[in-house]
N, C-alpha and C. Protein backbone atom coordinates (compact mmCIF):
# COMPACT_ATOMS: atom_id res chain seq x y z
N MET A 1 -9.97 118.97 9.39
CA MET A 1 -9.82 117.65 8.75
C MET A 1 -8.73 116.63 9.79
N ALA A 2 -9.12 115.87 9.86
CA ALA A 2 -8.13 114.73 10.54
C ALA A 2 -6.73 114.94 9.81
N ARG A 3 -5.86 114.22 10.74
CA ARG A 3 -4.65 113.87 9.78
C ARG A 3 -4.26 112.49 10.03
N LEU A 4 -3.66 112.24 9.97
CA LEU A 4 -2.65 110.93 9.68
C LEU A 4 -1.11 110.68 9.96
N LYS A 5 -0.74 110.64 11.25
CA LYS A 5 0.56 110.89 11.43
C LYS A 5 1.35 108.94 11.07
N VAL A 6 2.29 108.86 9.78
CA VAL A 6 2.57 107.55 9.86
C VAL A 6 3.91 107.68 10.06
N THR A 7 4.40 106.52 10.69
CA THR A 7 6.00 106.28 11.03
C THR A 7 5.86 104.65 10.52
N GLN A 8 7.44 104.34 9.64
CA GLN A 8 7.77 103.26 9.46
C GLN A 8 8.54 102.89 10.56
N THR A 9 8.13 101.50 10.81
CA THR A 9 8.56 100.77 11.91
C THR A 9 9.21 99.72 11.66
N LYS A 10 9.07 99.18 10.27
CA LYS A 10 9.70 97.75 9.75
C LYS A 10 10.37 98.24 8.71
N SER A 11 11.32 97.27 8.20
CA SER A 11 11.81 97.45 6.79
C SER A 11 11.29 96.55 5.86
N LYS A 12 11.45 97.37 4.53
CA LYS A 12 10.15 96.95 3.38
C LYS A 12 11.32 95.49 2.60
N ILE A 13 12.30 95.27 2.74
CA ILE A 13 13.13 94.07 2.52
C ILE A 13 12.33 93.19 2.84
N GLY A 14 12.06 92.37 1.32
CA GLY A 14 10.98 91.21 1.44
C GLY A 14 9.82 91.11 1.63
N GLY A 15 9.65 92.88 1.21
CA GLY A 15 8.15 92.84 0.65
C GLY A 15 8.02 93.03 -0.51
N THR A 16 6.57 92.94 -1.07
CA THR A 16 6.20 92.92 -2.43
C THR A 16 7.22 94.10 -3.05
N HIS A 17 6.99 94.12 -4.34
CA HIS A 17 6.95 95.60 -5.42
C HIS A 17 6.51 96.55 -5.28
N GLY A 18 4.84 96.28 -4.99
CA GLY A 18 3.89 96.78 -4.91
C GLY A 18 4.38 97.66 -3.13
N GLN A 19 4.43 96.59 -1.76
CA GLN A 19 4.43 97.45 -0.77
C GLN A 19 5.55 98.51 -0.84
N ARG A 20 6.33 98.24 -1.57
CA ARG A 20 7.70 99.20 -1.58
C ARG A 20 7.49 100.43 -2.65
N ASN A 21 6.45 100.35 -3.15
CA ASN A 21 6.09 101.29 -3.99
C ASN A 21 5.54 102.07 -3.32
N THR A 22 4.43 101.84 -2.44
CA THR A 22 3.48 101.85 -1.50
C THR A 22 4.04 103.00 -0.70
N LEU A 23 5.37 102.43 0.26
CA LEU A 23 6.00 102.96 1.17
C LEU A 23 6.43 104.60 0.24
N ARG A 24 7.29 104.49 -0.32
CA ARG A 24 7.89 105.59 -1.20
C ARG A 24 6.43 106.87 -2.11
N SER A 25 5.18 106.07 -2.23
CA SER A 25 4.38 106.87 -2.41
C SER A 25 3.81 107.54 -0.95
N LEU A 26 3.89 107.11 0.35
CA LEU A 26 3.51 108.10 1.50
C LEU A 26 4.95 108.56 1.91
N GLY A 27 6.09 108.47 0.78
CA GLY A 27 6.48 109.58 1.42
C GLY A 27 7.91 108.84 2.30
N LEU A 28 7.74 107.49 2.47
CA LEU A 28 8.44 106.50 3.65
C LEU A 28 9.93 106.02 3.06
N LYS A 29 11.07 106.60 3.31
CA LYS A 29 12.30 106.01 2.28
C LYS A 29 12.91 105.27 3.52
N ARG A 30 12.87 105.18 5.08
CA ARG A 30 13.74 104.47 5.76
C ARG A 30 12.80 103.93 7.45
N ILE A 31 13.35 103.02 7.83
CA ILE A 31 12.60 102.70 9.52
C ILE A 31 13.09 104.01 10.22
N GLY A 32 12.02 104.92 11.10
CA GLY A 32 12.09 105.62 11.89
C GLY A 32 11.30 107.21 10.99
N ASP A 33 11.09 107.27 9.55
CA ASP A 33 10.81 108.51 8.85
C ASP A 33 9.44 108.42 9.36
N THR A 34 9.01 109.53 9.11
CA THR A 34 7.41 109.62 9.97
C THR A 34 6.76 110.98 8.90
N VAL A 35 5.84 110.78 8.21
CA VAL A 35 5.20 111.66 7.39
C VAL A 35 3.88 112.19 8.31
N VAL A 36 3.38 113.08 7.83
CA VAL A 36 1.97 113.39 8.25
C VAL A 36 1.29 113.41 6.95
N LYS A 37 -0.29 112.87 6.97
CA LYS A 37 -0.65 112.95 5.53
C LYS A 37 -2.53 113.53 6.22
N GLU A 38 -3.13 113.70 5.12
CA GLU A 38 -4.29 114.47 5.42
C GLU A 38 -5.28 112.82 5.23
N ASP A 39 -6.55 112.71 5.86
CA ASP A 39 -7.19 111.68 6.26
C ASP A 39 -8.00 111.67 5.05
N ARG A 40 -7.88 110.85 4.00
CA ARG A 40 -8.53 110.44 3.15
C ARG A 40 -8.59 109.18 2.62
N PRO A 41 -9.35 108.64 2.27
CA PRO A 41 -9.37 106.93 1.87
C PRO A 41 -8.61 106.65 0.72
N GLU A 42 -7.78 107.53 0.01
CA GLU A 42 -6.56 107.19 -1.15
C GLU A 42 -5.42 106.42 0.64
N ILE A 43 -5.33 107.45 1.07
CA ILE A 43 -4.16 107.66 2.11
C ILE A 43 -4.51 106.47 3.13
N ARG A 44 -5.71 106.23 3.75
CA ARG A 44 -5.91 105.15 3.81
C ARG A 44 -5.97 103.77 3.63
N GLY A 45 -6.33 103.75 2.19
CA GLY A 45 -5.60 102.57 1.35
C GLY A 45 -4.82 101.95 1.09
N MET A 46 -3.31 103.32 1.28
CA MET A 46 -2.32 102.46 1.30
C MET A 46 -1.79 102.42 2.33
N VAL A 47 -2.00 102.89 3.27
CA VAL A 47 -1.64 102.50 4.59
C VAL A 47 -2.29 101.11 5.05
N ASN A 48 -3.32 100.90 4.13
CA ASN A 48 -4.01 99.60 5.00
C ASN A 48 -2.90 98.30 4.06
N THR A 49 -2.10 99.03 2.89
CA THR A 49 -1.25 97.82 2.14
C THR A 49 0.12 97.44 2.84
N VAL A 50 0.30 98.53 3.71
CA VAL A 50 1.77 98.29 4.15
C VAL A 50 1.12 98.56 5.84
N ILE A 51 0.34 97.82 6.29
CA ILE A 51 -0.13 98.40 7.99
C ILE A 51 0.80 97.53 8.48
N HIS A 52 1.46 96.41 8.57
CA HIS A 52 2.62 95.70 9.04
C HIS A 52 3.76 96.12 9.25
N LEU A 53 3.70 97.43 8.56
CA LEU A 53 5.45 97.92 8.43
C LEU A 53 5.13 98.92 8.63
N VAL A 54 3.99 100.04 9.14
CA VAL A 54 4.21 101.00 10.11
C VAL A 54 3.02 101.36 11.18
N VAL A 55 3.40 102.28 11.35
CA VAL A 55 2.71 102.92 12.42
C VAL A 55 1.52 104.03 12.58
N VAL A 56 0.35 103.84 13.27
CA VAL A 56 -0.54 105.06 12.21
C VAL A 56 -1.44 105.53 13.79
N GLU A 57 -1.19 107.21 13.66
CA GLU A 57 -2.29 108.04 14.80
C GLU A 57 -2.50 108.88 14.33
N GLU A 58 -3.70 109.03 14.99
CA GLU A 58 -4.78 110.55 14.19
C GLU A 58 -4.27 111.33 14.99
N VAL A 59 -3.49 112.83 14.17
CA VAL A 59 -4.06 113.82 14.64
C VAL A 59 -4.32 115.40 14.67
N GLU A 60 -4.07 116.17 14.99
CA GLU A 60 -5.07 117.15 14.58
C GLU A 60 -4.27 118.06 14.36
C-alpha cells in the first residue's frame, strides 16, 4: 500500500481552530515536522484541509 510523507512548511498561526486540530491529528507540531501515513481516504481528507500549510509526497 502507498504511503504519504507529509511535511509542515508553514505556521498554523492565523489558521482556523479546525486547521490547527487537523495538524495535531496528523502528528505535526511545528514547522519542519514530517510524518509518514498510510494513503487512506481519511488521511487524504485531513491533508486537503491543510494543503496550504503542508507538502505531500508519495513514498513506497
